[in-house]
């Protein structure tokens, strides 16, 4: 007897049993035919002789006479790793007709289970597919799987458990490239000074479809072994893992240098190369620590929230960057708000200072940046360590903010108390920096292993105003309602220097523009020489104002018979859109 016939027999027997029990009101979990039974509470009158039917499903591929039970269909039976095949399945009824009801079918394979292949649909990995009019498709892609892999599909209903499968052969892929993947640290410290001395370097073997190739032998080497640079024991060779990756470990040496790691696939001799690894001290030194700003003077005399970007760059004695993540700290004890720290990336980072109260009377704010580092020294014998042959030029005291700009520390000024002893300590007459005896036994290590190196700059909060503070060669400008004459004779010249500031002893704010011009009753009588126009950018903050050297030259052959008048005018336009003007009346006397 066929399976379908057996199920039908069971259904009929179940129907007769229900009828014998007098119905029961509710229907079972089968599709039923005929009327329902009696009420059941009084024994019932029995049903009308209906039968219970169960839909029989089959899982395979195709429909009708072309249906094959238990087998999935594939567009390719042989694949290379990284290429794909489309797998299809069909759910049909007992007559091999496609069923309209949607069913969820689980799909898997041995290689999918171990991560060496994937099953996907519409661009995403899946473990189930849903039929539409009895059909479902999905993609199978090996990713390191080699040999045969059987793809299984399983459909479980309340009455059936069905399965189908197909086997695909995955050919061994050809290694086409050894790709550099990553490095844990691209800068290592010299061996023996206590910094980061090892780095993991990862490569990947890939084939024609960029799929990983597993189980292959790889040999590593270094571009240089200067100073004892080496591969860690047991990492000079490796075997690619389930992702096609293989790892080695580099150990630094005692010489500052740059190197690469090479990885060679043993069977094909195809080679890959890492990015550069820098071996250096990694300790910032005092004379290679710098600070700058992007906008000065700031238009912040009476405005809060004006931003100034503060930038720092740090390097070790070889000019290499300290390790990424090294902290630089900032303080602005006189005025404003500054970010407390930034982390170096490739030797540089930035913070932002914002104008805010209180404001010092001179509107000049000292800002300090400091970090752990070493004092600079002159490497006389070129052995890269501080020893008896060398000298250091700056014996650094604890950093401070020179609030009054007199070039020395005064009691009450902010300082960084490195050792927390409550006093500002001077230098110790010793070179302070990392002990380098692990690099060279001749190194001297009697100073501190590190100190705070620092830089300070001056932020000026300028105002939108202009005052003449000094004049040589010219008279003062014309006051309101007054008249100050500047006489320029024919074939002669009047020269002078005029200095202006923001009326508070500081330069004008960045973005301020100025323009000098001569207005004449007649043309070609007078010529003006000097810087006639411009825009204030990053002014010299040590200069309290702006010096303008001007020359007014008269026409050598005047054609006028009576005295003429004109005006020398300066127009200053500030970032807040206000303008100020200064004027001198020019007299051109008639030549006798």
Protein backbone atom coordinates (compact mmCIF):
# COMPACT_ATOMS: atom_id res chain seq x y z
CA UNK A 1 0.00 0.00 0.00
CA UNK A 2 1.32 3.49 -0.88
CA UNK A 3 1.94 6.05 1.87
CA UNK A 4 -0.92 8.27 0.66
CA UNK A 5 -3.32 5.32 0.75
CA UNK A 6 -2.22 4.43 4.26
CA UNK A 7 -2.81 8.00 5.50
CA UNK A 8 -6.22 8.05 3.91
CA UNK A 9 -7.10 4.78 5.68
CA UNK A 10 -6.01 6.27 9.00
CA UNK A 11 -8.16 9.35 8.30
CA UNK A 12 -11.24 7.22 7.60
CA UNK A 13 -10.68 5.19 10.76
CA UNK A 14 -10.38 8.39 12.78
CA UNK A 15 -13.63 9.64 11.27
CA UNK A 16 -15.48 6.45 12.24
CA UNK A 17 -14.09 6.64 15.78
CA UNK A 18 -15.31 10.19 16.18
CA UNK A 19 -18.74 9.23 14.88
CA UNK A 20 -18.89 6.36 17.38
CA UNK A 21 -18.18 8.83 20.20
CA UNK A 22 -21.11 10.96 19.21
CA UNK A 23 -19.23 13.96 17.66
CA UNK A 24 -17.71 16.41 20.12
CA UNK A 25 -18.52 19.81 18.75
CA UNK A 26 -14.93 20.84 17.86
CA UNK A 27 -13.06 19.57 14.83
CA UNK A 28 -9.62 17.89 15.03
CA UNK A 29 -6.40 19.33 13.55
CA UNK A 30 -7.23 17.79 10.19
CA UNK A 31 -9.17 19.20 7.31
CA UNK A 32 -12.73 17.68 7.64
CA UNK A 33 -15.47 16.95 5.15
CA UNK A 34 -19.24 16.67 5.84
CA UNK A 35 -21.36 18.19 8.59
CA UNK A 36 -20.34 18.43 12.22
CA UNK A 37 -21.54 15.93 14.84
CA UNK A 38 -24.30 16.34 17.40
CA UNK A 39 -24.31 18.50 20.45
CA UNK A 40 -22.49 15.93 22.56
CA UNK A 41 -24.05 17.06 25.84
CA UNK A 42 -26.91 14.57 25.46
CA UNK A 43 -25.01 11.94 23.67
CA UNK A 44 -25.66 13.52 20.27
CA UNK A 45 -27.24 12.12 17.22
CA UNK A 46 -23.99 11.52 15.47
CA UNK A 47 -22.63 13.18 12.36
CA UNK A 48 -23.88 13.00 8.85
CA UNK A 49 -21.21 10.58 7.76
CA UNK A 50 -18.43 13.19 6.84
CA UNK A 51 -14.77 12.12 6.50
CA UNK A 52 -11.54 13.75 7.77
CA UNK A 53 -8.93 14.47 5.04
CA UNK A 54 -5.22 15.15 5.49
CA UNK A 55 -3.23 17.00 2.80
CA UNK A 56 -0.17 14.99 1.88
CA UNK A 57 2.94 17.03 0.99
CA UNK A 58 6.12 16.11 -0.84
CA UNK A 59 9.49 17.96 -0.87
CA UNK A 60 11.84 17.84 -3.82
CA UNK A 61 12.23 19.71 -7.10
CA UNK A 62 9.95 20.18 -10.09
CA UNK A 63 6.20 19.62 -10.44
CA UNK A 64 3.92 17.21 -12.21
CA UNK A 65 5.65 14.43 -14.09
CA UNK A 66 8.95 16.28 -13.67
CA UNK A 67 8.89 16.18 -9.88
CA UNK A 68 11.79 14.41 -8.12
CA UNK A 69 11.15 13.69 -4.49
CA UNK A 70 13.94 14.19 -1.89
CA UNK A 71 16.28 16.00 -4.26
CA UNK A 72 17.07 19.74 -4.53
CA UNK A 73 17.91 21.33 -7.87
CA UNK A 74 21.12 23.34 -8.40
CA UNK A 75 22.38 25.49 -11.25
CA UNK A 76 25.93 24.25 -10.65
CA UNK A 77 27.16 21.00 -9.19
CA UNK A 78 30.84 22.01 -9.19
CA UNK A 79 32.01 25.33 -7.72
CA UNK A 80 35.16 27.24 -6.90
CA UNK A 81 35.34 28.85 -3.48
CA UNK A 82 33.72 32.27 -3.65
CA UNK A 83 31.44 31.46 -6.61
CA UNK A 84 27.73 30.70 -6.11
CA UNK A 85 25.03 28.26 -7.15
CA UNK A 86 21.27 28.80 -7.04
CA UNK A 87 19.41 26.01 -5.22
CA UNK A 88 15.67 25.51 -5.73
CA UNK A 89 13.06 23.35 -4.01
CA UNK A 90 9.38 22.60 -4.55
CA UNK A 91 6.59 21.61 -2.17
CA UNK A 92 3.81 19.66 -3.96
CA UNK A 93 0.73 17.72 -3.02
CA UNK A 94 0.12 13.99 -3.52
CA UNK A 95 -0.59 14.64 -7.21
CA UNK A 96 2.71 16.50 -7.64
CA UNK A 97 0.87 19.81 -8.06
CA UNK A 98 2.39 22.93 -6.50
CA UNK A 99 0.70 23.91 -3.25
CA UNK A 100 -0.47 27.49 -2.83
CA UNK A 101 -0.01 27.61 0.94
CA UNK A 102 3.35 29.11 2.05
CA UNK A 103 5.70 26.85 3.99
CA UNK A 104 8.96 27.63 5.84
CA UNK A 105 11.75 25.25 4.91
CA UNK A 106 15.01 25.04 6.92
CA UNK A 107 18.25 24.91 4.88
CA UNK A 108 21.79 24.08 6.01
CA UNK A 109 25.00 22.21 5.17
CA UNK A 110 28.11 20.96 6.94
CA UNK A 111 30.26 23.81 5.59
CA UNK A 112 27.63 26.39 6.45
CA UNK A 113 27.62 25.05 9.99
CA UNK A 114 31.39 25.51 10.29
CA UNK A 115 31.40 28.95 8.71
CA UNK A 116 33.09 27.81 5.49
CA UNK A 117 30.06 28.50 3.30
CA UNK A 118 26.95 30.63 3.42
CA UNK A 119 23.33 30.35 2.33
CA UNK A 120 21.77 33.66 1.36
CA UNK A 121 18.71 35.22 -0.21
CA UNK A 122 18.19 38.82 -1.31
CA UNK A 123 21.67 39.73 -0.14
CA UNK A 124 21.35 38.42 3.43
CA UNK A 125 22.35 35.16 5.10
CA UNK A 126 19.39 32.89 5.88
CA UNK A 127 18.68 29.55 7.56
CA UNK A 128 15.09 29.30 6.32
CA UNK A 129 13.31 30.05 3.06
CA UNK A 130 9.58 30.46 2.45
CA UNK A 131 7.79 28.96 -0.52
CA UNK A 132 5.63 30.97 -2.88
CA UNK A 133 3.20 28.82 -4.88
CA UNK A 134 5.27 25.85 -3.80
CA UNK A 135 8.66 27.21 -4.95
CA UNK A 136 11.64 28.60 -3.00
CA UNK A 137 15.18 29.45 -4.12
CA UNK A 138 18.38 30.48 -2.36
CA UNK A 139 22.09 30.92 -3.07
CA UNK A 140 24.89 28.71 -1.82
CA UNK A 141 28.41 30.20 -1.69
CA UNK A 142 31.47 28.29 -0.38
CA UNK A 143 33.97 30.44 1.50
CA UNK A 144 36.87 28.17 2.25
CA UNK A 145 34.97 24.92 1.96
CA UNK A 146 36.78 22.32 -0.17
CA UNK A 147 35.49 18.93 -1.37
CA UNK A 148 31.87 17.79 -1.27
CA UNK A 149 29.20 19.56 0.73
CA UNK A 150 25.61 18.35 1.04
CA UNK A 151 22.92 21.01 1.26
CA UNK A 152 19.89 19.83 3.23
CA UNK A 153 16.33 21.17 3.22
CA UNK A 154 13.81 20.15 5.90
CA UNK A 155 10.06 20.76 6.09
CA UNK A 156 8.18 19.84 9.27
CA UNK A 157 4.39 20.06 9.54
CA UNK A 158 2.03 18.80 12.22
CA UNK A 159 1.75 15.48 10.47
CA UNK A 160 4.90 15.14 8.34
CA UNK A 161 8.69 15.60 8.39
CA UNK A 162 10.18 15.87 4.91
CA UNK A 163 13.72 16.36 3.66
CA UNK A 164 15.61 16.84 0.41
CA UNK A 165 19.25 17.38 -0.43
CA UNK A 166 21.81 18.04 -3.11
CA UNK A 167 25.59 17.55 -3.06
CA UNK A 168 27.96 20.13 -4.53
CA UNK A 169 31.66 19.65 -5.14
CA UNK A 170 33.87 22.62 -4.24
CA UNK A 171 37.22 22.63 -6.03
CA UNK A 172 40.44 23.67 -4.35
CA UNK A 173 40.91 27.37 -5.12
CA UNK A 174 44.17 28.71 -6.50
CA UNK A 175 46.00 31.19 -4.30
CA UNK A 176 46.09 34.47 -6.19
CA UNK A 177 47.15 36.89 -3.44
CA UNK A 178 48.55 37.14 0.04
CA UNK A 179 46.74 40.18 1.42
CA UNK A 180 47.91 42.30 4.33
CA UNK A 181 44.99 42.58 6.76
CA UNK A 182 46.05 44.44 9.89
CA UNK A 183 48.72 45.28 12.41
CA UNK A 184 48.01 45.71 16.12
CA UNK A 185 50.63 48.48 16.56
CA UNK A 186 52.36 50.35 13.77
CA UNK A 187 54.89 51.88 16.15
CA UNK A 188 56.99 49.99 18.69
CA UNK A 189 59.30 51.22 21.41
CA UNK A 190 62.97 50.41 21.43
CA UNK A 191 63.51 47.15 23.29
CA UNK A 192 64.39 47.67 26.92
CA UNK A 193 62.79 51.06 27.63
CA UNK A 194 59.45 49.70 28.84
CA UNK A 195 57.10 50.62 26.02
CA UNK A 196 55.08 48.54 23.56
CA UNK A 197 57.64 46.13 22.07
CA UNK A 198 55.52 43.61 20.11
CA UNK A 199 52.95 43.77 17.33
CA UNK A 200 50.68 41.15 15.74
CA UNK A 201 50.62 41.21 11.94
CA UNK A 202 47.80 39.45 10.06
CA UNK A 203 47.72 38.31 6.42
CA UNK A 204 45.03 36.51 4.40
CA UNK A 205 45.23 34.03 1.50
CA UNK A 206 42.57 34.66 -1.14
CA UNK A 207 41.65 32.99 -4.42
CA UNK A 208 40.03 33.90 -7.71
CA UNK A 209 36.74 35.04 -6.12
CA UNK A 210 38.49 36.77 -3.18
CA UNK A 211 37.36 33.84 -1.03
CA UNK A 212 39.61 32.74 1.85
CA UNK A 213 41.84 29.71 1.37
CA UNK A 214 42.28 27.60 4.48
CA UNK A 215 44.88 25.10 5.65
CA UNK A 216 47.79 26.55 3.65
CA UNK A 217 51.35 26.96 4.92
CA UNK A 218 52.82 30.49 5.09
CA UNK A 219 56.37 31.59 5.98
CA UNK A 220 57.18 35.04 7.41
CA UNK A 221 60.30 37.21 7.19
CA UNK A 222 61.40 40.77 8.05
CA UNK A 223 62.81 43.51 5.86
CA UNK A 224 65.50 44.13 8.49
CA UNK A 225 66.76 42.53 11.69
CA UNK A 226 68.86 45.57 12.68
CA UNK A 227 69.26 45.94 16.42
CA UNK A 228 67.91 42.46 17.10
CA UNK A 229 64.45 42.89 15.54
CA UNK A 230 62.88 39.43 15.27
CA UNK A 231 59.76 37.34 14.92
CA UNK A 232 58.50 35.89 18.18
CA UNK A 233 59.39 32.23 18.75
CA UNK A 234 56.94 29.91 17.02
CA UNK A 235 55.53 32.59 14.69
CA UNK A 236 57.95 32.44 11.75
CA UNK A 237 55.51 30.08 9.99
CA UNK A 238 51.78 29.52 10.19
CA UNK A 239 48.75 27.80 8.65
CA UNK A 240 45.74 29.74 7.39
CA UNK A 241 42.63 29.38 9.55
CA UNK A 242 38.95 29.07 8.65
CA UNK A 243 38.96 32.68 7.45
CA UNK A 244 42.12 32.24 5.40
CA UNK A 245 44.07 34.31 7.92
CA UNK A 246 47.51 33.70 9.40
CA UNK A 247 49.33 35.71 12.09
CA UNK A 248 52.89 36.44 13.15
CA UNK A 249 54.35 38.56 15.96
CA UNK A 250 57.15 41.14 15.55
CA UNK A 251 59.51 41.93 18.42
CA UNK A 252 61.32 45.30 18.45
CA UNK A 253 65.07 45.75 18.66
CA UNK A 254 67.46 48.33 20.08
CA UNK A 255 67.82 50.44 16.92
CA UNK A 256 65.42 53.08 15.68
CA UNK A 257 64.30 52.06 12.20
CA UNK A 258 61.37 51.25 9.92
CA UNK A 259 60.56 47.74 8.73
CA UNK A 260 58.03 45.59 6.89
CA UNK A 261 56.85 42.01 7.41
CA UNK A 262 56.71 39.68 4.41
CA UNK A 263 54.40 36.64 4.14
CA UNK A 264 55.05 33.95 1.49
CA UNK A 265 52.62 31.17 0.54
CA UNK A 266 54.87 28.13 0.56
CA UNK A 267 53.23 26.24 -2.33
CA UNK A 268 52.99 29.11 -4.84
CA UNK A 269 55.68 31.47 -3.47
CA UNK A 270 53.23 34.34 -3.79
CA UNK A 271 54.26 37.10 -1.37
CA UNK A 272 52.48 39.83 0.57
CA UNK A 273 53.91 42.81 2.45
CA UNK A 274 52.72 44.65 5.54
CA UNK A 275 52.57 48.39 6.06
CA UNK A 276 55.53 50.06 7.76
CA UNK A 277 56.32 49.40 11.41
CA UNK A 278 58.28 52.18 13.11
CA UNK A 279 60.63 51.37 15.97
CA UNK A 280 61.54 54.43 17.99
CA UNK A 281 61.61 55.69 21.56
CA UNK A 282 57.99 56.81 21.34
CA UNK A 283 58.72 59.38 24.06
CA UNK A 284 58.00 63.00 23.18
CA UNK A 285 60.96 65.31 23.74
CA UNK A 286 60.85 68.91 24.84
CA UNK A 287 62.27 70.56 21.72
CA UNK A 288 59.85 68.67 19.44
CA UNK A 289 56.69 69.73 21.26
CA UNK A 290 54.93 72.69 19.65
CA UNK A 291 51.66 74.57 20.02
CA UNK A 292 49.74 76.93 17.75
CA UNK A 293 46.31 78.45 17.21
CA UNK A 294 44.15 79.00 14.16
CA UNK A 295 42.40 82.30 14.96
CA UNK A 296 44.12 85.17 16.72
CA UNK A 297 43.47 87.77 17.85
CA UNK A 298 40.01 86.62 18.88
CA UNK A 299 37.10 89.04 18.63
CA UNK A 300 36.29 88.30 22.26
CA UNK A 301 36.68 91.51 24.27
CA UNK A 302 33.03 91.53 25.25
CA UNK A 303 31.69 88.40 23.53
CA UNK A 304 31.42 84.94 25.12
CA UNK A 305 31.77 81.72 23.18
CA UNK A 306 34.31 82.92 20.60
CA UNK A 307 36.23 79.75 19.66
CA UNK A 308 39.96 79.39 19.12
CA UNK A 309 41.35 76.04 17.98
CA UNK A 310 44.55 75.07 19.80
CA UNK A 311 46.78 72.58 17.98
CA UNK A 312 49.75 70.59 19.30
CA UNK A 313 52.34 68.42 17.56
CA UNK A 314 54.72 66.12 19.40
CA UNK A 315 57.59 63.89 18.29
CA UNK A 316 60.37 61.84 19.85
CA UNK A 317 64.09 62.47 19.39
CA UNK A 318 64.03 60.80 15.97
CA UNK A 319 61.09 62.89 14.77
CA UNK A 320 58.66 59.97 15.02
CA UNK A 321 55.21 60.20 16.54
CA UNK A 322 54.54 59.08 20.10
CA UNK A 323 52.07 56.17 20.33
CA UNK A 324 48.52 57.00 19.29
CA UNK A 325 46.41 57.79 22.34
CA UNK A 326 49.18 59.63 24.22
CA UNK A 327 47.48 62.36 26.27
CA UNK A 328 48.21 66.09 26.15
CA UNK A 329 46.61 68.19 28.89
CA UNK A 330 45.56 71.86 28.79
CA UNK A 331 44.83 74.60 31.33
CA UNK A 332 43.64 78.19 30.92
CA UNK A 333 43.80 79.55 34.48
CA UNK A 334 43.30 83.25 33.65
CA UNK A 335 40.14 83.23 31.56
CA UNK A 336 37.97 81.26 29.17
CA UNK A 337 37.19 77.56 28.93
CA UNK A 338 39.45 74.94 27.33
CA UNK A 339 39.08 71.18 26.77
CA UNK A 340 41.09 69.40 29.44
CA UNK A 341 42.94 67.00 27.12
CA UNK A 342 43.31 65.52 23.67
CA UNK A 343 44.80 62.23 22.46
CA UNK A 344 47.60 62.25 19.91
CA UNK A 345 46.88 60.58 16.58
CA UNK A 346 49.94 60.42 14.35
CA UNK A 347 51.63 62.91 16.67
CA UNK A 348 48.99 65.63 16.67
CA UNK A 349 45.69 66.66 18.24
CA UNK A 350 43.58 69.74 18.91
CA UNK A 351 41.31 71.25 21.55
CA UNK A 352 39.02 74.27 21.59
CA UNK A 353 39.25 77.36 23.79
CA UNK A 354 36.10 79.46 24.29
CA UNK A 355 36.03 83.05 25.48
CA UNK A 356 34.30 83.55 28.85
CA UNK A 357 34.63 85.49 32.07
CA UNK A 358 36.66 86.46 33.98
CA UNK A 359 38.63 88.71 31.64
CA UNK A 360 42.07 90.03 32.63
CA UNK A 361 42.57 93.79 32.41
CA UNK A 362 45.03 93.49 29.50
CA UNK A 363 42.79 90.97 27.71
CA UNK A 364 45.74 88.61 27.27
CA UNK A 365 45.19 85.02 28.42
CA UNK A 366 47.96 82.49 29.03
CA UNK A 367 47.22 78.89 28.02
CA UNK A 368 49.43 75.90 28.89
CA UNK A 369 49.71 72.52 27.16
CA UNK A 370 51.76 69.80 28.86
CA UNK A 371 52.45 66.07 28.56
CA UNK A 372 54.77 63.38 29.83
CA UNK A 373 58.06 63.34 27.96
CA UNK A 374 61.81 63.80 28.15
CA UNK A 375 64.31 66.63 28.08
CA UNK A 376 66.14 67.21 24.83
CA UNK A 377 69.81 66.39 24.48
CA UNK A 378 72.53 66.71 21.87
CA UNK A 379 73.61 63.22 20.78
CA UNK A 380 77.28 64.04 20.23
CA UNK A 381 78.40 60.47 19.47
CA UNK A 382 75.27 59.48 17.56
CA UNK A 383 74.44 56.33 19.59
CA UNK A 384 70.82 57.42 20.18
CA UNK A 385 71.10 57.40 24.00
CA UNK A 386 72.09 60.03 26.56
CA UNK A 387 75.56 59.18 27.86
CA UNK A 388 78.69 60.88 29.18
CA UNK A 389 79.59 62.30 25.77
CA UNK A 390 76.32 64.18 25.39
CA UNK A 391 74.89 67.46 26.67
CA UNK A 392 71.38 68.66 27.36
CA UNK A 393 70.57 72.32 26.91
CA UNK A 394 67.36 72.81 28.89
CA UNK A 395 67.05 71.64 32.50
CA UNK A 396 63.30 71.93 32.79
CA UNK A 397 61.53 73.17 35.90
CA UNK A 398 57.88 72.44 36.59
CA UNK A 399 55.75 74.13 33.89
CA UNK A 400 53.87 77.34 34.73
CA UNK A 401 51.70 80.02 33.10
CA UNK A 402 53.54 83.34 32.81
CA UNK A 403 50.47 85.48 33.50
CA UNK A 404 52.32 88.82 33.63
CA UNK A 405 54.60 87.94 30.69
CA UNK A 406 57.80 88.89 32.48
CA UNK A 407 59.61 85.69 31.48
CA UNK A 408 59.89 84.26 34.99
CA UNK A 409 57.75 82.50 37.55
CA UNK A 410 56.13 84.75 40.16
CA UNK A 411 54.40 83.58 43.30
CA UNK A 412 50.73 83.04 42.65
CA UNK A 413 51.07 82.06 38.99
CA UNK A 414 49.67 78.66 38.03
CA UNK A 415 52.16 75.77 37.83
CA UNK A 416 51.99 72.00 37.37
CA UNK A 417 53.05 70.39 40.64
CA UNK A 418 54.57 67.25 39.12
CA UNK A 419 55.56 65.61 42.41
CA UNK A 420 52.71 67.05 44.51
CA UNK A 421 55.08 68.56 47.07
CA UNK A 422 53.38 71.97 47.22
CA UNK A 423 56.36 73.86 45.77
CA UNK A 424 57.35 74.77 42.23
CA UNK A 425 60.54 72.80 41.70
CA UNK A 426 63.41 73.92 39.52
CA UNK A 427 65.48 71.61 37.32
CA UNK A 428 67.63 68.90 38.90
CA UNK A 429 70.76 69.43 36.77
CA UNK A 430 70.31 65.94 35.32
CA UNK A 431 68.96 64.67 32.04
CA UNK A 432 65.39 63.49 32.61
CA UNK A 433 64.05 60.82 30.29
CA UNK A 434 63.61 57.06 29.85
CA UNK A 435 66.50 54.88 30.93
CA UNK A 436 68.13 53.56 27.74
CA UNK A 437 70.55 51.07 29.27
CA UNK A 438 68.56 48.27 27.65
CA UNK A 439 69.53 49.83 24.33
CA UNK A 440 73.09 50.76 25.24
CA UNK A 441 74.84 49.97 28.51
CA UNK A 442 76.60 53.36 28.38
CA UNK A 443 73.33 55.25 28.86
CA UNK A 444 73.06 57.47 31.94
CA UNK A 445 69.90 56.94 33.98
CA UNK A 446 70.34 59.10 37.10
CA UNK A 447 67.53 61.57 36.30
CA UNK A 448 63.75 61.21 36.39
CA UNK A 449 62.35 58.65 33.97
CA UNK A 450 59.93 61.28 32.66
CA UNK A 451 58.92 64.89 33.25
CA UNK A 452 56.15 67.17 32.10
CA UNK A 453 57.22 68.99 28.96
CA UNK A 454 55.12 72.04 28.18
CA UNK A 455 54.36 74.91 25.82
CA UNK A 456 52.31 78.01 26.46
CA UNK A 457 50.77 80.55 24.14
CA UNK A 458 48.97 83.83 24.50
CA UNK A 459 45.35 84.26 23.48
CA UNK A 460 44.34 87.90 22.96
CA UNK A 461 40.73 89.01 23.37
CA UNK A 462 40.68 92.05 21.12
CA UNK A 463 37.95 94.68 20.84
CA UNK A 464 36.24 96.29 17.87
CA UNK A 465 37.90 99.67 18.25
CA UNK A 466 40.85 101.62 16.91
CA UNK A 467 43.11 104.24 18.47
CA UNK A 468 46.19 106.01 17.13
CA UNK A 469 48.86 105.31 19.72
CA UNK A 470 52.01 106.59 17.99
CA UNK A 471 52.90 108.81 15.03
CA UNK A 472 56.24 109.83 13.60
CA UNK A 473 56.58 112.22 10.66
CA UNK A 474 52.88 113.07 10.44
CA UNK A 475 50.67 115.18 12.70
CA UNK A 476 47.85 113.63 14.65
CA UNK A 477 44.66 112.90 12.73
CA UNK A 478 41.94 115.54 12.48
CA UNK A 479 39.72 115.58 15.56
CA UNK A 480 35.98 115.85 15.26
CA UNK A 481 35.17 119.35 14.00
CA UNK A 482 38.85 120.27 13.90
CA UNK A 483 41.48 120.68 11.19
CA UNK A 484 45.01 119.27 11.23
CA UNK A 485 47.01 120.10 8.13
CA UNK A 486 49.58 117.97 6.39
CA UNK A 487 51.54 120.03 3.86
CA UNK A 488 53.02 118.33 0.83
CA UNK A 489 54.87 120.58 -1.60
CA UNK A 490 55.32 119.87 -5.28
CA UNK A 491 58.28 117.68 -6.08
CA UNK A 492 58.54 116.73 -2.38
CA UNK A 493 57.36 113.97 -0.09
CA UNK A 494 56.02 113.59 3.43
CA UNK A 495 56.77 110.28 5.18
CA UNK A 496 55.64 108.90 8.49
CA UNK A 497 54.74 105.84 10.55
CA UNK A 498 51.31 105.60 12.16
CA UNK A 499 50.59 102.95 14.79
CA UNK A 500 47.08 101.95 15.79
CA UNK A 501 45.67 99.30 18.14
CA UNK A 502 42.32 98.21 19.60
CA UNK A 503 42.43 100.94 22.29
CA UNK A 504 43.43 98.28 24.81
CA UNK A 505 47.03 97.76 23.76
CA UNK A 506 46.30 94.78 21.51
CA UNK A 507 46.00 94.13 17.76
CA UNK A 508 42.65 94.36 16.01
CA UNK A 509 40.54 91.20 15.87
CA UNK A 510 41.23 88.74 13.09
CA UNK A 511 39.13 89.61 10.05
CA UNK A 512 39.40 93.37 10.54
CA UNK A 513 40.05 95.19 7.26
CA UNK A 514 41.76 98.54 6.69
CA UNK A 515 42.05 100.91 3.74
CA UNK A 516 44.20 104.02 3.21
CA UNK A 517 43.20 106.41 0.45
CA UNK A 518 43.75 109.96 -0.76
CA UNK A 519 40.80 112.09 -1.81
CA UNK A 520 41.83 115.07 -3.96
CA UNK A 521 40.02 118.00 -5.49
CA UNK A 522 42.21 117.48 -8.57
CA UNK A 523 43.78 114.27 -9.74
CA UNK A 524 47.46 113.42 -10.26
CA UNK A 525 48.63 115.93 -7.69
CA UNK A 526 49.56 113.46 -4.95
CA UNK A 527 50.74 109.85 -4.82
CA UNK A 528 50.35 107.51 -1.79
CA UNK A 529 52.89 104.77 -1.14
CA UNK A 530 52.82 102.00 1.45
CA UNK A 531 50.45 99.21 2.49
CA UNK A 532 47.19 100.74 1.35
CA UNK A 533 44.73 97.95 2.23
CA UNK A 534 44.56 94.55 3.87
CA UNK A 535 42.90 92.13 6.29
CA UNK A 536 44.16 91.25 9.74
CA UNK A 537 44.98 87.53 9.94
CA UNK A 538 47.07 85.94 12.70
CA UNK A 539 48.76 89.07 14.00
CA UNK A 540 51.97 89.19 16.01
CA UNK A 541 50.58 89.23 19.53
CA UNK A 542 53.83 90.59 20.96
CA UNK A 543 53.28 93.75 18.91
CA UNK A 544 50.69 95.88 20.67
CA UNK A 545 49.33 97.36 17.45
CA UNK A 546 49.71 97.78 13.72
CA UNK A 547 52.43 99.96 12.15
CA UNK A 548 51.73 101.66 8.83
CA UNK A 549 54.67 103.27 7.02
CA UNK A 550 53.29 105.76 4.48
CA UNK A 551 54.66 108.28 2.04
CA UNK A 552 52.81 111.12 0.30
CA UNK A 553 54.64 112.44 -2.76
CA UNK A 554 53.67 115.63 -4.62
CA UNK A 555 53.54 116.07 -8.39
CA UNK A 556 56.89 117.33 -9.73
CA UNK A 557 55.18 119.66 -12.24
CA UNK A 558 52.03 121.07 -10.64
CA UNK A 559 49.64 122.78 -13.03
CA UNK A 560 47.63 124.64 -10.43
CA UNK A 561 48.02 128.34 -9.58
CA UNK A 562 46.38 128.35 -6.17
CA UNK A 563 46.63 126.14 -3.09
CA UNK A 564 44.71 122.87 -3.18
CA UNK A 565 43.30 120.67 -0.46
CA UNK A 566 42.75 116.96 -0.13
CA UNK A 567 42.26 114.26 2.52
CA UNK A 568 44.29 111.28 3.66
CA UNK A 569 41.75 108.83 5.10
CA UNK A 570 42.02 105.52 6.96
CA UNK A 571 38.89 103.32 7.16
CA UNK A 572 38.89 100.39 9.64
CA UNK A 573 36.09 97.80 9.34
CA UNK A 574 35.63 95.33 12.19
CA UNK A 575 34.15 91.81 12.20
CA UNK A 576 31.01 93.11 13.93
CA UNK A 577 30.40 95.36 10.88
CA UNK A 578 31.24 98.67 12.56
CA UNK A 579 33.56 101.14 10.81
CA UNK A 580 35.90 103.84 12.09
CA UNK A 581 37.55 106.58 10.03
CA UNK A 582 40.63 108.76 10.58
CA UNK A 583 41.47 111.81 8.43
CA UNK A 584 44.31 114.23 7.74
CA UNK A 585 43.72 117.36 5.64
CA UNK A 586 46.38 117.75 2.97
CA UNK A 587 47.48 121.20 1.79
CA UNK A 588 49.21 121.64 -1.59
CA UNK A 589 50.78 125.12 -1.50
CA UNK A 590 51.41 127.00 -4.77
CA UNK A 591 55.04 126.88 -5.73
CA UNK A 592 56.61 130.40 -5.91
